[in-house]
């Protein structure tokens, strides 16, 4: 080839066509942006290094994880692509939005509400109810010094 520009283009094209498979994978994303042969060489210089292998393994694992995630089947509706906690068909309700109880209140025996939400002052027979103690009530943490058991008495000098 007589023209230096034609020789440069031919060399560039041959470098792309004769590259091995791992170099081709590195060249393909920059193929349209690369202007010179040195751009292609820079793209291929990390091929085969530990860093490049780690990037390839990470990309392969990411593809497999997305395939496995798409194949996940919902146990609520049976459709693929999501799991039960993300199911659009399941009615959502937070902890405070729990459905009403099916039994009478354990505290007042008058209504279908939770005993921790009971505001009645009297039970179903008209007897006054004790004041509600929030939290653990009497079962909570005790105050005062810790009790010591199995303590031997202090015996002075004999």
Protein backbone atom coordinates (compact mmCIF):
# COMPACT_ATOMS: atom_id res chain seq x y z
CA UNK A 1 0.00 0.00 0.00
CA UNK A 2 1.49 3.29 -1.15
CA UNK A 3 -0.56 5.74 0.92
CA UNK A 4 0.41 6.06 4.62
CA UNK A 5 -3.22 6.81 5.57
CA UNK A 6 -4.44 3.66 3.81
CA UNK A 7 -1.67 1.64 5.47
CA UNK A 8 -2.73 3.03 8.88
CA UNK A 9 -6.40 2.11 8.26
CA UNK A 10 -5.46 -1.36 7.03
CA UNK A 11 -3.25 -1.96 10.07
CA UNK A 12 -6.04 -0.72 12.36
CA UNK A 13 -8.59 -3.06 10.72
CA UNK A 14 -6.22 -6.05 10.85
CA UNK A 15 -5.47 -5.40 14.53
CA UNK A 16 -9.19 -5.59 15.31
CA UNK A 17 -9.82 -8.69 13.18
CA UNK A 18 -6.78 -10.64 14.40
CA UNK A 19 -7.20 -9.90 18.10
CA UNK A 20 -7.88 -12.87 20.37
CA UNK A 21 -11.29 -13.27 22.02
CA UNK A 22 -10.40 -11.58 25.30
CA UNK A 23 -8.82 -8.60 23.48
CA UNK A 24 -11.89 -8.35 21.25
CA UNK A 25 -14.10 -8.11 24.33
CA UNK A 26 -11.93 -5.24 25.55
CA UNK A 27 -11.85 -3.54 22.12
CA UNK A 28 -15.56 -3.82 21.19
CA UNK A 29 -16.85 -1.12 23.59
CA UNK A 30 -14.28 1.44 22.36
CA UNK A 31 -14.15 0.37 18.71
CA UNK A 32 -15.96 3.47 17.40
CA UNK A 33 -14.10 5.90 19.69
CA UNK A 34 -10.59 4.53 19.05
CA UNK A 35 -8.72 6.70 16.53
CA UNK A 36 -5.26 5.13 16.48
CA UNK A 37 -3.59 1.80 16.98
CA UNK A 38 -2.24 2.95 20.37
CA UNK A 39 -5.84 3.30 21.63
CA UNK A 40 -6.40 -0.37 20.82
CA UNK A 41 -3.12 -1.35 22.48
CA UNK A 42 -4.05 0.55 25.65
CA UNK A 43 -7.42 -1.24 25.72
CA UNK A 44 -5.70 -4.64 25.47
CA UNK A 45 -2.82 -4.00 27.88
CA UNK A 46 -4.81 -5.06 30.99
CA UNK A 47 -6.23 -8.19 29.34
CA UNK A 48 -4.98 -11.24 31.19
CA UNK A 49 -4.10 -9.34 34.37
CA UNK A 50 -5.65 -10.28 37.70
CA UNK A 51 -7.68 -7.07 37.73
CA UNK A 52 -9.16 -7.83 34.30
CA UNK A 53 -9.99 -11.41 35.32
CA UNK A 54 -11.73 -10.14 38.45
CA UNK A 55 -13.81 -7.72 36.37
CA UNK A 56 -14.82 -10.52 33.99
CA UNK A 57 -15.78 -12.83 36.86
CA UNK A 58 -17.79 -10.04 38.51
CA UNK A 59 -19.64 -9.34 35.25
CA UNK A 60 -20.43 -13.04 34.76
CA UNK A 61 -21.69 -13.39 38.34
CA UNK A 62 -23.85 -10.28 37.97
CA UNK A 63 -25.47 -11.76 34.86
CA UNK A 64 -26.16 -15.05 36.65
CA UNK A 65 -27.62 -13.30 39.69
CA UNK A 66 -30.01 -11.27 37.57
CA UNK A 67 -31.09 -14.44 35.76
CA UNK A 68 -31.64 -16.21 39.10
CA UNK A 69 -33.54 -13.20 40.49
CA UNK A 70 -35.85 -13.07 37.46
CA UNK A 71 -36.52 -16.80 37.86
CA UNK A 72 -37.59 -16.30 41.51
CA UNK A 73 -41.20 -17.31 42.02
CA UNK A 74 -43.58 -15.52 44.39
CA UNK A 75 -45.13 -17.76 47.05
CA UNK A 76 -48.18 -15.49 47.35
CA UNK A 77 -49.40 -15.22 43.75
CA UNK A 78 -47.18 -17.75 41.93
CA UNK A 79 -45.84 -15.30 39.35
CA UNK A 80 -42.14 -15.09 38.51
CA UNK A 81 -40.01 -11.98 38.78
CA UNK A 82 -40.66 -11.00 42.39
CA UNK A 83 -40.85 -12.55 45.85
CA UNK A 84 -43.65 -12.60 48.40
CA UNK A 85 -42.55 -9.50 50.33
CA UNK A 86 -42.60 -7.47 47.09
CA UNK A 87 -45.85 -8.98 45.74
CA UNK A 88 -48.23 -6.32 44.38
CA UNK A 89 -51.28 -8.51 45.08
CA UNK A 90 -50.70 -8.85 48.82
CA UNK A 91 -52.48 -6.24 50.92
CA UNK A 92 -50.00 -4.22 52.92
CA UNK A 93 -50.55 -3.13 56.48
CA UNK A 94 -47.99 -1.88 58.91
CA UNK A 95 -47.70 -2.96 62.51
CA UNK A 96 -50.16 -0.28 63.63
CA UNK A 97 -52.62 -1.11 60.87
CA UNK A 98 -53.25 -4.71 61.95
CA UNK A 99 -56.76 -6.00 61.33
CA UNK A 100 -59.28 -5.88 64.12
CA UNK A 101 -59.33 -8.84 66.51
CA UNK A 102 -61.98 -11.52 66.15
CA UNK A 103 -62.57 -11.80 69.91
CA UNK A 104 -63.79 -9.36 72.53
CA UNK A 105 -61.27 -7.17 74.34
CA UNK A 106 -59.51 -9.14 77.09
CA UNK A 107 -59.61 -6.09 79.38
CA UNK A 108 -63.18 -4.75 79.20
CA UNK A 109 -65.01 -7.56 77.35
CA UNK A 110 -67.11 -4.93 75.55
CA UNK A 111 -65.72 -4.39 72.08
CA UNK A 112 -63.65 -5.82 69.29
CA UNK A 113 -60.41 -3.93 69.86
CA UNK A 114 -56.97 -4.74 71.20
CA UNK A 115 -56.54 -4.54 74.96
CA UNK A 116 -53.56 -2.21 74.58
CA UNK A 117 -55.89 0.20 72.76
CA UNK A 118 -58.73 -0.12 75.28
CA UNK A 119 -59.94 3.21 76.72
CA UNK A 120 -62.85 1.88 78.78
CA UNK A 121 -63.06 2.89 82.44
CA UNK A 122 -65.53 0.11 83.31
CA UNK A 123 -65.88 -3.52 82.28
CA UNK A 124 -69.03 -5.11 80.79
CA UNK A 125 -70.56 -5.54 84.30
CA UNK A 126 -69.97 -1.90 85.29
CA UNK A 127 -67.03 -2.62 87.59
CA UNK A 128 -64.19 -0.07 87.42
CA UNK A 129 -61.10 -1.21 85.55
CA UNK A 130 -57.57 -0.66 86.93
CA UNK A 131 -55.56 2.05 85.22
CA UNK A 132 -53.53 0.83 82.27
CA UNK A 133 -49.79 0.77 82.82
CA UNK A 134 -47.91 1.30 79.54
CA UNK A 135 -45.12 -1.00 78.43
CA UNK A 136 -44.22 -3.95 80.64
CA UNK A 137 -46.07 -2.56 83.64
CA UNK A 138 -45.22 -4.41 86.83
CA UNK A 139 -43.20 -6.98 84.92
CA UNK A 140 -40.58 -4.44 83.84
CA UNK A 141 -37.16 -3.61 85.22
CA UNK A 142 -37.03 -3.36 89.01
CA UNK A 143 -35.41 -0.40 90.66
CA UNK A 144 -33.13 -0.52 93.68
CA UNK A 145 -30.00 -2.37 94.62
CA UNK A 146 -29.52 -5.91 93.36
CA UNK A 147 -30.48 -8.65 95.78
CA UNK A 148 -27.65 -10.89 96.94
CA UNK A 149 -28.44 -14.50 97.75
CA UNK A 150 -26.35 -17.19 99.48
CA UNK A 151 -24.23 -14.62 101.22
CA UNK A 152 -22.14 -15.80 104.12
CA UNK A 153 -22.40 -13.60 107.17
CA UNK A 154 -19.40 -11.49 108.08
CA UNK A 155 -17.76 -13.12 111.03
CA UNK A 156 -15.44 -10.95 113.02
CA UNK A 157 -12.21 -12.05 114.68
CA UNK A 158 -12.66 -14.68 117.31
